[in-house]
Amino acid sequence: MDKLNLEIKVEKLISKGAEANIYLGTFLGYKAIFKKRVPKPYRKPEFDLNLRVRRTINEAKMLYIARKEGIPVPT
């Protein structure tokens, strides 16, 4: 199987929050914003991973629904 090259380059930390860090970078040659949810050391690793994954998926679903309803959202 060929290796998938997504050409992701994270260049600069824009904002640091309690839940995630926001970075500026490029994706496939386009300017992009990246959000990385930060693991919490006080949570069990399995629970923390599950929680971060669910929050990310729910955020994507909400953005999709909002866009479908005509609300301007990041793409």
N, C-alpha and C. Protein backbone atom coordinates (compact mmCIF):
# COMPACT_ATOMS: atom_id res chain seq x y z
N MET A 1 0.85 -1.18 0.00
CA MET A 1 0.00 0.00 0.00
C MET A 1 0.89 1.24 0.00
N ASP A 2 0.55 2.22 -0.81
CA ASP A 2 1.31 3.46 -0.87
C ASP A 2 1.08 4.29 0.38
N LYS A 3 2.11 5.02 0.76
CA LYS A 3 2.01 5.90 1.92
C LYS A 3 1.26 7.17 1.52
N LEU A 4 0.30 7.56 2.33
CA LEU A 4 -0.49 8.76 2.08
C LEU A 4 0.27 9.98 2.59
N ASN A 5 0.54 10.92 1.71
CA ASN A 5 1.25 12.14 2.08
C ASN A 5 0.25 13.29 2.09
N LEU A 6 -0.12 13.75 3.28
CA LEU A 6 -1.11 14.81 3.39
C LEU A 6 -0.49 16.21 3.42
N GLU A 7 0.83 16.29 3.41
CA GLU A 7 1.52 17.58 3.39
C GLU A 7 1.00 18.53 4.46
N ILE A 8 1.08 18.11 5.70
CA ILE A 8 0.66 18.95 6.82
C ILE A 8 1.88 19.60 7.43
N LYS A 9 1.81 20.92 7.62
CA LYS A 9 2.91 21.63 8.25
C LYS A 9 2.33 22.58 9.29
N VAL A 10 2.65 22.32 10.55
CA VAL A 10 2.21 23.19 11.63
C VAL A 10 3.30 24.23 11.85
N GLU A 11 2.92 25.51 11.77
CA GLU A 11 3.92 26.57 11.79
C GLU A 11 3.95 27.39 13.07
N LYS A 12 2.77 27.68 13.66
CA LYS A 12 2.75 28.63 14.77
C LYS A 12 1.58 28.35 15.71
N LEU A 13 1.85 28.40 17.00
CA LEU A 13 0.80 28.30 18.01
C LEU A 13 0.06 29.63 18.05
N ILE A 14 -1.25 29.60 17.84
CA ILE A 14 -2.05 30.82 17.84
C ILE A 14 -2.68 31.06 19.21
N SER A 15 -3.22 29.98 19.79
CA SER A 15 -3.92 30.12 21.05
C SER A 15 -3.79 28.84 21.86
N LYS A 16 -3.69 29.00 23.15
CA LYS A 16 -3.58 27.86 24.05
C LYS A 16 -4.74 27.95 25.03
N GLY A 17 -5.56 26.91 25.05
CA GLY A 17 -6.72 26.92 25.94
C GLY A 17 -6.71 25.72 26.86
N ALA A 18 -7.73 25.63 27.69
CA ALA A 18 -7.84 24.52 28.64
C ALA A 18 -8.12 23.20 27.93
N GLU A 19 -8.88 23.25 26.84
CA GLU A 19 -9.26 22.04 26.13
C GLU A 19 -8.36 21.71 24.95
N ALA A 20 -7.83 22.74 24.28
CA ALA A 20 -7.08 22.48 23.05
C ALA A 20 -6.11 23.62 22.74
N ASN A 21 -5.16 23.31 21.88
CA ASN A 21 -4.25 24.32 21.35
C ASN A 21 -4.60 24.52 19.88
N ILE A 22 -4.54 25.77 19.43
CA ILE A 22 -4.88 26.11 18.05
C ILE A 22 -3.59 26.55 17.35
N TYR A 23 -3.35 25.96 16.18
CA TYR A 23 -2.13 26.23 15.43
C TYR A 23 -2.45 26.74 14.04
N LEU A 24 -1.56 27.55 13.50
CA LEU A 24 -1.61 27.99 12.11
C LEU A 24 -0.62 27.15 11.33
N GLY A 25 -0.99 26.76 10.12
CA GLY A 25 -0.09 25.96 9.31
C GLY A 25 -0.59 25.84 7.89
N THR A 26 -0.14 24.80 7.20
CA THR A 26 -0.60 24.55 5.84
C THR A 26 -1.02 23.10 5.70
N PHE A 27 -1.99 22.88 4.84
CA PHE A 27 -2.48 21.54 4.53
C PHE A 27 -2.66 21.47 3.02
N LEU A 28 -1.92 20.59 2.38
CA LEU A 28 -1.94 20.45 0.92
C LEU A 28 -1.66 21.78 0.22
N GLY A 29 -0.81 22.59 0.83
CA GLY A 29 -0.43 23.86 0.23
C GLY A 29 -1.34 25.03 0.55
N TYR A 30 -2.42 24.80 1.29
CA TYR A 30 -3.36 25.86 1.66
C TYR A 30 -3.16 26.24 3.13
N LYS A 31 -3.39 27.53 3.44
CA LYS A 31 -3.35 27.95 4.84
C LYS A 31 -4.43 27.20 5.60
N ALA A 32 -4.10 26.80 6.82
CA ALA A 32 -5.06 26.02 7.60
C ALA A 32 -4.89 26.31 9.08
N ILE A 33 -5.94 26.04 9.82
CA ILE A 33 -5.94 26.12 11.27
C ILE A 33 -6.09 24.69 11.79
N PHE A 34 -5.27 24.33 12.77
CA PHE A 34 -5.32 23.00 13.36
C PHE A 34 -5.68 23.11 14.83
N LYS A 35 -6.52 22.21 15.27
CA LYS A 35 -6.91 22.17 16.68
C LYS A 35 -6.46 20.84 17.25
N LYS A 36 -5.65 20.90 18.29
CA LYS A 36 -5.18 19.67 18.94
C LYS A 36 -5.68 19.66 20.37
N ARG A 37 -6.54 18.71 20.63
CA ARG A 37 -7.05 18.57 22.00
C ARG A 37 -5.95 17.98 22.87
N VAL A 38 -5.76 18.58 24.02
CA VAL A 38 -4.65 18.23 24.91
C VAL A 38 -5.08 17.15 25.90
N PRO A 39 -4.31 16.07 26.01
CA PRO A 39 -4.63 15.05 27.03
C PRO A 39 -4.48 15.63 28.43
N LYS A 40 -5.34 15.19 29.31
CA LYS A 40 -5.29 15.64 30.71
C LYS A 40 -4.64 14.55 31.56
N PRO A 41 -3.58 14.89 32.26
CA PRO A 41 -2.85 13.87 33.03
C PRO A 41 -3.64 13.29 34.20
N TYR A 42 -4.68 13.98 34.65
CA TYR A 42 -5.44 13.49 35.80
C TYR A 42 -6.54 12.50 35.40
N ARG A 43 -6.74 12.29 34.10
CA ARG A 43 -7.73 11.32 33.64
C ARG A 43 -7.06 10.01 33.29
N LYS A 44 -7.81 8.92 33.41
CA LYS A 44 -7.30 7.64 32.92
C LYS A 44 -7.08 7.77 31.42
N PRO A 45 -5.96 7.27 30.90
CA PRO A 45 -5.65 7.45 29.47
C PRO A 45 -6.75 6.96 28.53
N GLU A 46 -7.36 5.82 28.82
CA GLU A 46 -8.41 5.28 27.94
C GLU A 46 -9.62 6.21 27.92
N PHE A 47 -10.01 6.70 29.10
CA PHE A 47 -11.15 7.60 29.20
C PHE A 47 -10.84 8.92 28.50
N ASP A 48 -9.65 9.44 28.71
CA ASP A 48 -9.25 10.72 28.12
C ASP A 48 -9.28 10.65 26.60
N LEU A 49 -8.72 9.59 26.05
CA LEU A 49 -8.71 9.44 24.59
C LEU A 49 -10.13 9.35 24.05
N ASN A 50 -10.96 8.55 24.70
CA ASN A 50 -12.35 8.40 24.27
C ASN A 50 -13.09 9.74 24.32
N LEU A 51 -12.89 10.48 25.38
CA LEU A 51 -13.55 11.77 25.55
C LEU A 51 -13.11 12.77 24.48
N ARG A 52 -11.80 12.84 24.23
CA ARG A 52 -11.29 13.77 23.22
C ARG A 52 -11.78 13.40 21.82
N VAL A 53 -11.82 12.12 21.52
CA VAL A 53 -12.32 11.67 20.21
C VAL A 53 -13.79 12.03 20.06
N ARG A 54 -14.59 11.73 21.08
CA ARG A 54 -16.03 12.04 21.01
C ARG A 54 -16.28 13.54 20.86
N ARG A 55 -15.54 14.35 21.59
CA ARG A 55 -15.71 15.80 21.49
C ARG A 55 -15.34 16.31 20.09
N THR A 56 -14.29 15.76 19.52
CA THR A 56 -13.88 16.16 18.17
C THR A 56 -14.94 15.77 17.15
N ILE A 57 -15.45 14.55 17.25
CA ILE A 57 -16.49 14.09 16.32
C ILE A 57 -17.75 14.93 16.47
N ASN A 58 -18.16 15.20 17.71
CA ASN A 58 -19.36 16.02 17.93
C ASN A 58 -19.18 17.44 17.39
N GLU A 59 -17.99 17.99 17.55
CA GLU A 59 -17.73 19.33 17.02
C GLU A 59 -17.86 19.33 15.49
N ALA A 60 -17.32 18.31 14.85
CA ALA A 60 -17.42 18.21 13.39
C ALA A 60 -18.88 18.08 12.95
N LYS A 61 -19.65 17.29 13.68
CA LYS A 61 -21.08 17.12 13.35
C LYS A 61 -21.83 18.45 13.49
N MET A 62 -21.54 19.19 14.55
CA MET A 62 -22.21 20.47 14.76
C MET A 62 -21.86 21.47 13.66
N LEU A 63 -20.60 21.49 13.25
CA LEU A 63 -20.19 22.38 12.16
C LEU A 63 -20.90 22.00 10.86
N TYR A 64 -21.02 20.70 10.61
CA TYR A 64 -21.70 20.22 9.41
C TYR A 64 -23.17 20.64 9.41
N ILE A 65 -23.84 20.43 10.53
CA ILE A 65 -25.27 20.79 10.63
C ILE A 65 -25.45 22.30 10.48
N ALA A 66 -24.61 23.07 11.15
CA ALA A 66 -24.71 24.52 11.05
C ALA A 66 -24.52 24.99 9.61
N ARG A 67 -23.56 24.41 8.93
CA ARG A 67 -23.31 24.79 7.54
C ARG A 67 -24.49 24.43 6.65
N LYS A 68 -25.07 23.25 6.89
CA LYS A 68 -26.24 22.82 6.13
C LYS A 68 -27.41 23.79 6.31
N GLU A 69 -27.50 24.39 7.49
CA GLU A 69 -28.59 25.33 7.79
C GLU A 69 -28.28 26.75 7.32
N GLY A 70 -27.13 26.92 6.68
CA GLY A 70 -26.79 28.24 6.13
C GLY A 70 -26.03 29.14 7.07
N ILE A 71 -25.58 28.62 8.17
CA ILE A 71 -24.80 29.41 9.13
C ILE A 71 -23.34 29.38 8.69
N PRO A 72 -22.70 30.53 8.57
CA PRO A 72 -21.30 30.54 8.15
C PRO A 72 -20.40 29.87 9.20
N VAL A 73 -19.65 28.88 8.77
CA VAL A 73 -18.73 28.17 9.65
C VAL A 73 -17.40 27.98 8.93
N PRO A 74 -16.33 27.75 9.67
CA PRO A 74 -15.05 27.47 9.01
C PRO A 74 -15.15 26.21 8.17
N THR A 75 -14.43 26.20 7.06
CA THR A 75 -14.44 25.01 6.21
C THR A 75 -13.09 24.36 6.18
